[in-house]
Amino acid sequence: MGLVDLQINIPNLEEVVDKLSSIPGGAAFAINHAIYDTLKSVRTQATRAARERYNVPYSWVLKSFGNPKVIGMYGLLQSTGARAPLFMFPHQAAYPGGKGSPAAKVSELKSHTMLLRHAFHKGVKVRTGGTGSPRYPVHIMVGRAAPQMINEQGEVWPKVEEFERQYLQERLSHYIDALLKGDIAL
């Protein structure tokens, strides 16, 4: 089971408070709503970024996220979940040494196919236990969990962080403008 926490910090907090000082509760409202909007959008963006790298169903990654939580000026979004069974990814039977040596080709990454020797294509399973036994325990093989995919530091996580920073600033600007123009009344 994996876990990814995303915490949002407001870099220009004093500026937001100064701009909205004439509206009682305006700064807290703008910050609270901007954080919530950002976390909801980050959930979608993180799912998309993971899907760009991994051959995993969109709904499976999205399901790993809980609901965004905002308490005061602090926001939290968590992704949790078990490791993905390899049969979820594109896979096929392979016989690198002839019919007597079963294997499975699995494409967990979009840019790479791995060959798993001694694995069975149906459900991508592997035998465990000693050789020569007439019956082996057979187990489903697993890959990464959704939080591990999202937290991948090479391609996925940098996209999520960049999106979060930009989107938070957009939403803060939106709420500041709306409060100052009187489009939102408190």
C-alpha atoms as a PDB file:
ATOM      1  CA  MET A   1       0.000   0.000   0.000  1.00  0.00           C
ATOM      2  CA  GLY A   2       1.300   3.425  -0.885  1.00  0.00           C
ATOM      3  CA  LEU A   3       0.514   6.935   0.230  1.00  0.00           C
ATOM      4  CA  VAL A   4       1.118  10.337  -1.360  1.00  0.00           C
ATOM      5  CA  ASP A   5       0.310  13.580   0.440  1.00  0.00           C
ATOM      6  CA  LEU A   6       0.110  16.890  -1.372  1.00  0.00           C
ATOM      7  CA  GLN A   7       0.281  19.931   0.843  1.00  0.00           C
ATOM      8  CA  ILE A   8      -0.350  23.405  -0.533  1.00  0.00           C
ATOM      9  CA  ASN A   9       1.372  26.493   0.791  1.00  0.00           C
ATOM     10  CA  ILE A  10       0.423  30.075  -0.083  1.00  0.00           C
ATOM     11  CA  PRO A  11       3.698  31.781  -1.111  1.00  0.00           C
ATOM     12  CA  ASN A  12       2.320  35.351  -1.156  1.00  0.00           C
ATOM     13  CA  LEU A  13       0.089  35.174   1.910  1.00  0.00           C
ATOM     14  CA  GLU A  14       0.824  38.709   3.159  1.00  0.00           C
ATOM     15  CA  GLU A  15      -0.027  40.183  -0.250  1.00  0.00           C
ATOM     16  CA  VAL A  16      -3.392  38.384  -0.312  1.00  0.00           C
ATOM     17  CA  VAL A  17      -4.220  39.560   3.212  1.00  0.00           C
ATOM     18  CA  ASP A  18      -3.256  43.165   2.345  1.00  0.00           C
ATOM     19  CA  LYS A  19      -5.382  43.228  -0.818  1.00  0.00           C
ATOM     20  CA  LEU A  20      -8.435  41.924   1.005  1.00  0.00           C
ATOM     21  CA  SER A  21      -7.966  43.782   4.316  1.00  0.00           C
ATOM     22  CA  SER A  22     -11.039  45.948   3.615  1.00  0.00           C
ATOM     23  CA  ILE A  23     -13.311  42.878   3.391  1.00  0.00           C
ATOM     24  CA  PRO A  24     -13.841  41.097   6.729  1.00  0.00           C
ATOM     25  CA  GLY A  25     -13.057  37.409   6.247  1.00  0.00           C
ATOM     26  CA  GLY A  26     -12.158  38.001   2.593  1.00  0.00           C
ATOM     27  CA  ALA A  27      -8.598  36.692   2.776  1.00  0.00           C
ATOM     28  CA  ALA A  28      -9.620  33.513   4.578  1.00  0.00           C
ATOM     29  CA  PHE A  29     -12.457  32.945   2.078  1.00  0.00           C
ATOM     30  CA  ALA A  30     -10.224  33.480  -0.973  1.00  0.00           C
ATOM     31  CA  ILE A  31      -7.421  31.286   0.335  1.00  0.00           C
ATOM     32  CA  ASN A  32      -9.746  28.505   1.510  1.00  0.00           C
ATOM     33  CA  HIS A  33     -11.618  28.314  -1.792  1.00  0.00           C
ATOM     34  CA  ALA A  34      -8.463  28.650  -3.922  1.00  0.00           C
ATOM     35  CA  ILE A  35      -6.859  25.739  -2.060  1.00  0.00           C
ATOM     36  CA  TYR A  36      -9.977  23.566  -2.426  1.00  0.00           C
ATOM     37  CA  ASP A  37     -10.304  24.322  -6.167  1.00  0.00           C
ATOM     38  CA  THR A  38      -6.610  23.607  -6.666  1.00  0.00           C
ATOM     39  CA  LEU A  39      -6.740  20.273  -4.868  1.00  0.00           C
ATOM     40  CA  LYS A  40      -9.726  19.154  -6.944  1.00  0.00           C
ATOM     41  CA  SER A  41      -7.903  20.049 -10.153  1.00  0.00           C
ATOM     42  CA  VAL A  42      -4.623  18.518  -8.970  1.00  0.00           C
ATOM     43  CA  ARG A  43      -6.449  15.222  -8.471  1.00  0.00           C
ATOM     44  CA  THR A  44      -7.395  15.249 -12.163  1.00  0.00           C
ATOM     45  CA  GLN A  45      -3.995  16.494 -13.333  1.00  0.00           C
ATOM     46  CA  ALA A  46      -2.115  13.871 -11.306  1.00  0.00           C
ATOM     47  CA  THR A  47      -4.289  11.155 -12.801  1.00  0.00           C
ATOM     48  CA  ARG A  48      -3.590  12.445 -16.320  1.00  0.00           C
ATOM     49  CA  ALA A  49       0.155  12.709 -15.660  1.00  0.00           C
ATOM     50  CA  ALA A  50       0.277   9.132 -14.331  1.00  0.00           C
ATOM     51  CA  ARG A  51      -1.644   7.935 -17.394  1.00  0.00           C
ATOM     52  CA  GLU A  52       0.857   9.618 -19.727  1.00  0.00           C
ATOM     53  CA  ARG A  53       3.599   7.401 -18.296  1.00  0.00           C
ATOM     54  CA  TYR A  54       1.774   4.219 -17.248  1.00  0.00           C
ATOM     55  CA  ASN A  55      -0.656   1.891 -19.064  1.00  0.00           C
ATOM     56  CA  VAL A  56      -3.191   2.044 -16.269  1.00  0.00           C
ATOM     57  CA  PRO A  57      -6.920   2.810 -16.402  1.00  0.00           C
ATOM     58  CA  TYR A  58      -7.790   6.441 -15.641  1.00  0.00           C
ATOM     59  CA  SER A  59     -10.542   5.402 -13.232  1.00  0.00           C
ATOM     60  CA  TRP A  60      -8.169   3.184 -11.240  1.00  0.00           C
ATOM     61  CA  VAL A  61      -5.760   6.060 -10.568  1.00  0.00           C
ATOM     62  CA  LEU A  62      -8.557   8.554  -9.859  1.00  0.00           C
ATOM     63  CA  LYS A  63     -10.157   6.123  -7.416  1.00  0.00           C
ATOM     64  CA  SER A  64      -6.973   6.161  -5.308  1.00  0.00           C
ATOM     65  CA  PHE A  65      -7.615   9.766  -4.282  1.00  0.00           C
ATOM     66  CA  GLY A  66      -9.705  10.820  -1.349  1.00  0.00           C
ATOM     67  CA  ASN A  67     -11.643  14.052  -1.221  1.00  0.00           C
ATOM     68  CA  PRO A  68      -9.682  17.268  -0.791  1.00  0.00           C
ATOM     69  CA  LYS A  69      -9.639  18.571   2.776  1.00  0.00           C
ATOM     70  CA  VAL A  70      -9.173  22.221   3.655  1.00  0.00           C
ATOM     71  CA  ILE A  71      -8.837  23.329   7.245  1.00  0.00           C
ATOM     72  CA  GLY A  72      -8.228  27.037   7.568  1.00  0.00           C
ATOM     73  CA  MET A  73      -5.281  27.802   5.320  1.00  0.00           C
ATOM     74  CA  TYR A  74      -4.086  24.222   5.029  1.00  0.00           C
ATOM     75  CA  GLY A  75      -5.115  21.779   2.306  1.00  0.00           C
ATOM     76  CA  LEU A  76      -4.559  18.043   2.060  1.00  0.00           C
ATOM     77  CA  LEU A  77      -5.099  15.579  -0.776  1.00  0.00           C
ATOM     78  CA  GLN A  78      -4.125  11.940  -0.317  1.00  0.00           C
ATOM     79  CA  SER A  79      -3.674   9.085  -2.737  1.00  0.00           C
ATOM     80  CA  THR A  80      -3.658   5.615  -1.212  1.00  0.00           C
ATOM     81  CA  GLY A  81      -4.032   2.134  -2.558  1.00  0.00           C
ATOM     82  CA  ALA A  82      -2.699  -1.327  -3.113  1.00  0.00           C
ATOM     83  CA  ARG A  83      -0.345  -2.326  -5.880  1.00  0.00           C
ATOM     84  CA  ALA A  84      -1.858  -2.874  -9.311  1.00  0.00           C
ATOM     85  CA  PRO A  85      -2.167  -6.475 -10.492  1.00  0.00           C
ATOM     86  CA  LEU A  86      -0.118  -6.883 -13.672  1.00  0.00           C
ATOM     87  CA  PHE A  87      -3.071  -8.317 -15.576  1.00  0.00           C
ATOM     88  CA  MET A  88      -4.498  -4.769 -15.538  1.00  0.00           C
ATOM     89  CA  PHE A  89      -1.753  -3.689 -17.948  1.00  0.00           C
ATOM     90  CA  PRO A  90      -1.480  -4.794 -21.586  1.00  0.00           C
ATOM     91  CA  HIS A  91       0.062  -8.276 -21.547  1.00  0.00           C
ATOM     92  CA  GLN A  92       0.587 -11.301 -23.768  1.00  0.00           C
ATOM     93  CA  ALA A  93       2.091 -14.757 -23.653  1.00  0.00           C
ATOM     94  CA  ALA A  94       5.699 -15.245 -24.694  1.00  0.00           C
ATOM     95  CA  TYR A  95       7.877 -18.318 -25.075  1.00  0.00           C
ATOM     96  CA  PRO A  96      11.511 -17.137 -25.253  1.00  0.00           C
ATOM     97  CA  GLY A  97      12.941 -20.661 -24.953  1.00  0.00           C
ATOM     98  CA  GLY A  98      10.179 -22.539 -26.774  1.00  0.00           C
ATOM     99  CA  LYS A  99       6.890 -23.979 -25.512  1.00  0.00           C
ATOM    100  CA  GLY A 100       8.530 -25.402 -22.395  1.00  0.00           C
ATOM    101  CA  SER A 101       9.502 -22.014 -20.988  1.00  0.00           C
ATOM    102  CA  PRO A 102       6.454 -19.870 -20.390  1.00  0.00           C
ATOM    103  CA  ALA A 103       6.767 -16.147 -19.900  1.00  0.00           C
ATOM    104  CA  ALA A 104       4.593 -13.065 -20.129  1.00  0.00           C
ATOM    105  CA  LYS A 105       5.260  -9.702 -21.726  1.00  0.00           C
ATOM    106  CA  VAL A 106       3.753  -6.871 -19.694  1.00  0.00           C
ATOM    107  CA  SER A 107       3.652  -3.170 -20.580  1.00  0.00           C
ATOM    108  CA  GLU A 108       3.336  -1.359 -17.261  1.00  0.00           C
ATOM    109  CA  LEU A 109       5.110   1.685 -18.723  1.00  0.00           C
ATOM    110  CA  LYS A 110       3.880   3.102 -22.015  1.00  0.00           C
ATOM    111  CA  SER A 111       7.434   3.228 -23.369  1.00  0.00           C
ATOM    112  CA  HIS A 112       8.629  -0.190 -22.179  1.00  0.00           C
ATOM    113  CA  THR A 113       7.626  -3.864 -22.232  1.00  0.00           C
ATOM    114  CA  MET A 114       9.096  -6.222 -19.671  1.00  0.00           C
ATOM    115  CA  LEU A 115       9.527  -9.963 -20.116  1.00  0.00           C
ATOM    116  CA  LEU A 116       8.638 -11.941 -17.009  1.00  0.00           C
ATOM    117  CA  ARG A 117      10.112 -15.422 -17.235  1.00  0.00           C
ATOM    118  CA  HIS A 118       8.266 -18.275 -15.534  1.00  0.00           C
ATOM    119  CA  ALA A 119       5.071 -16.215 -15.517  1.00  0.00           C
ATOM    120  CA  PHE A 120       1.733 -17.270 -16.916  1.00  0.00           C
ATOM    121  CA  HIS A 121      -0.096 -15.055 -19.391  1.00  0.00           C
ATOM    122  CA  LYS A 122      -3.588 -15.697 -17.992  1.00  0.00           C
ATOM    123  CA  GLY A 123      -3.862 -13.185 -15.171  1.00  0.00           C
ATOM    124  CA  VAL A 124      -0.056 -12.702 -15.157  1.00  0.00           C
ATOM    125  CA  LYS A 125       0.643 -15.206 -12.427  1.00  0.00           C
ATOM    126  CA  VAL A 126       3.825 -16.785 -11.201  1.00  0.00           C
ATOM    127  CA  ARG A 127       4.544 -20.089  -9.517  1.00  0.00           C
ATOM    128  CA  THR A 128       6.189 -19.970  -6.139  1.00  0.00           C
ATOM    129  CA  GLY A 129       7.612 -22.799  -4.107  1.00  0.00           C
ATOM    130  CA  GLY A 130      10.053 -25.568  -4.877  1.00  0.00           C
ATOM    131  CA  THR A 131      10.615 -27.154  -8.233  1.00  0.00           C
ATOM    132  CA  GLY A 132       9.534 -30.713  -8.917  1.00  0.00           C
ATOM    133  CA  SER A 133       6.379 -30.386  -6.865  1.00  0.00           C
ATOM    134  CA  PRO A 134       3.314 -31.547  -8.827  1.00  0.00           C
ATOM    135  CA  ARG A 135       1.353 -28.472  -7.716  1.00  0.00           C
ATOM    136  CA  TYR A 136       2.799 -25.106  -6.958  1.00  0.00           C
ATOM    137  CA  PRO A 137       1.188 -22.192  -5.202  1.00  0.00           C
ATOM    138  CA  VAL A 138       0.327 -19.680  -7.946  1.00  0.00           C
ATOM    139  CA  HIS A 139       0.148 -15.957  -7.167  1.00  0.00           C
ATOM    140  CA  ILE A 140      -0.971 -12.934  -9.136  1.00  0.00           C
ATOM    141  CA  MET A 141       1.959 -10.631  -9.849  1.00  0.00           C
ATOM    142  CA  VAL A 142       1.647  -6.950  -9.005  1.00  0.00           C
ATOM    143  CA  GLY A 143       3.279  -3.734 -10.176  1.00  0.00           C
ATOM    144  CA  ARG A 144       3.249  -0.260  -8.659  1.00  0.00           C
ATOM    145  CA  ALA A 145       0.513   1.314  -6.592  1.00  0.00           C
ATOM    146  CA  ALA A 146      -1.209   4.508  -7.783  1.00  0.00           C
ATOM    147  CA  PRO A 147       0.622   6.653  -5.190  1.00  0.00           C
ATOM    148  CA  GLN A 148       3.956   5.280  -6.444  1.00  0.00           C
ATOM    149  CA  MET A 149       2.984   6.161 -10.011  1.00  0.00           C
ATOM    150  CA  ILE A 150       1.927   9.682  -9.020  1.00  0.00           C
ATOM    151  CA  ASN A 151       5.054  10.212  -6.908  1.00  0.00           C
ATOM    152  CA  GLU A 152       7.385   9.154  -9.744  1.00  0.00           C
ATOM    153  CA  GLN A 153      10.002  11.924  -9.614  1.00  0.00           C
ATOM    154  CA  GLY A 154      11.219  11.805 -13.220  1.00  0.00           C
ATOM    155  CA  GLU A 155       8.128  12.671 -15.258  1.00  0.00           C
ATOM    156  CA  VAL A 156       4.897  12.539 -13.267  1.00  0.00           C
ATOM    157  CA  TRP A 157       5.436  14.459 -10.009  1.00  0.00           C
ATOM    158  CA  PRO A 158       7.175  17.504 -11.578  1.00  0.00           C
ATOM    159  CA  LYS A 159       4.133  18.007 -13.844  1.00  0.00           C
ATOM    160  CA  VAL A 160       1.808  17.810 -10.843  1.00  0.00           C
ATOM    161  CA  GLU A 161       3.824  20.315  -8.803  1.00  0.00           C
ATOM    162  CA  GLU A 162       4.106  22.800 -11.663  1.00  0.00           C
ATOM    163  CA  PHE A 163       0.375  22.591 -12.346  1.00  0.00           C
ATOM    164  CA  GLU A 164      -0.412  23.060  -8.637  1.00  0.00           C
ATOM    165  CA  ARG A 165       1.684  26.239  -8.365  1.00  0.00           C
ATOM    166  CA  GLN A 166       0.202  27.843 -11.477  1.00  0.00           C
ATOM    167  CA  TYR A 167      -3.388  26.867 -10.789  1.00  0.00           C
ATOM    168  CA  LEU A 168      -3.269  28.056  -7.175  1.00  0.00           C
ATOM    169  CA  GLN A 169      -2.143  31.505  -8.322  1.00  0.00           C
ATOM    170  CA  GLU A 170      -4.934  31.609 -10.930  1.00  0.00           C
ATOM    171  CA  ARG A 171      -7.594  30.680  -8.392  1.00  0.00           C
ATOM    172  CA  LEU A 172      -6.294  33.154  -5.809  1.00  0.00           C
ATOM    173  CA  SER A 173      -6.381  35.933  -8.404  1.00  0.00           C
ATOM    174  CA  HIS A 174      -9.904  34.920  -9.386  1.00  0.00           C
ATOM    175  CA  TYR A 175     -11.236  35.051  -5.815  1.00  0.00           C
ATOM    176  CA  ILE A 176      -9.392  38.295  -4.981  1.00  0.00           C
ATOM    177  CA  ASP A 177     -10.837  39.994  -8.075  1.00  0.00           C
ATOM    178  CA  ALA A 178     -14.336  38.639  -7.456  1.00  0.00           C
ATOM    179  CA  LEU A 179     -14.328  39.819  -3.823  1.00  0.00           C
ATOM    180  CA  LEU A 180     -12.955  43.265  -4.681  1.00  0.00           C
ATOM    181  CA  LYS A 181     -15.503  43.786  -7.511  1.00  0.00           C
ATOM    182  CA  GLY A 182     -18.331  42.654  -5.255  1.00  0.00           C
ATOM    183  CA  ASP A 183     -19.189  39.589  -7.381  1.00  0.00           C
ATOM    184  CA  ILE A 184     -18.910  37.521  -4.207  1.00  0.00           C
ATOM    185  CA  ALA A 185     -20.496  38.931  -1.070  1.00  0.00           C
ATOM    186  CA  LEU A 186     -19.582  37.639   2.367  1.00  0.00           C
END
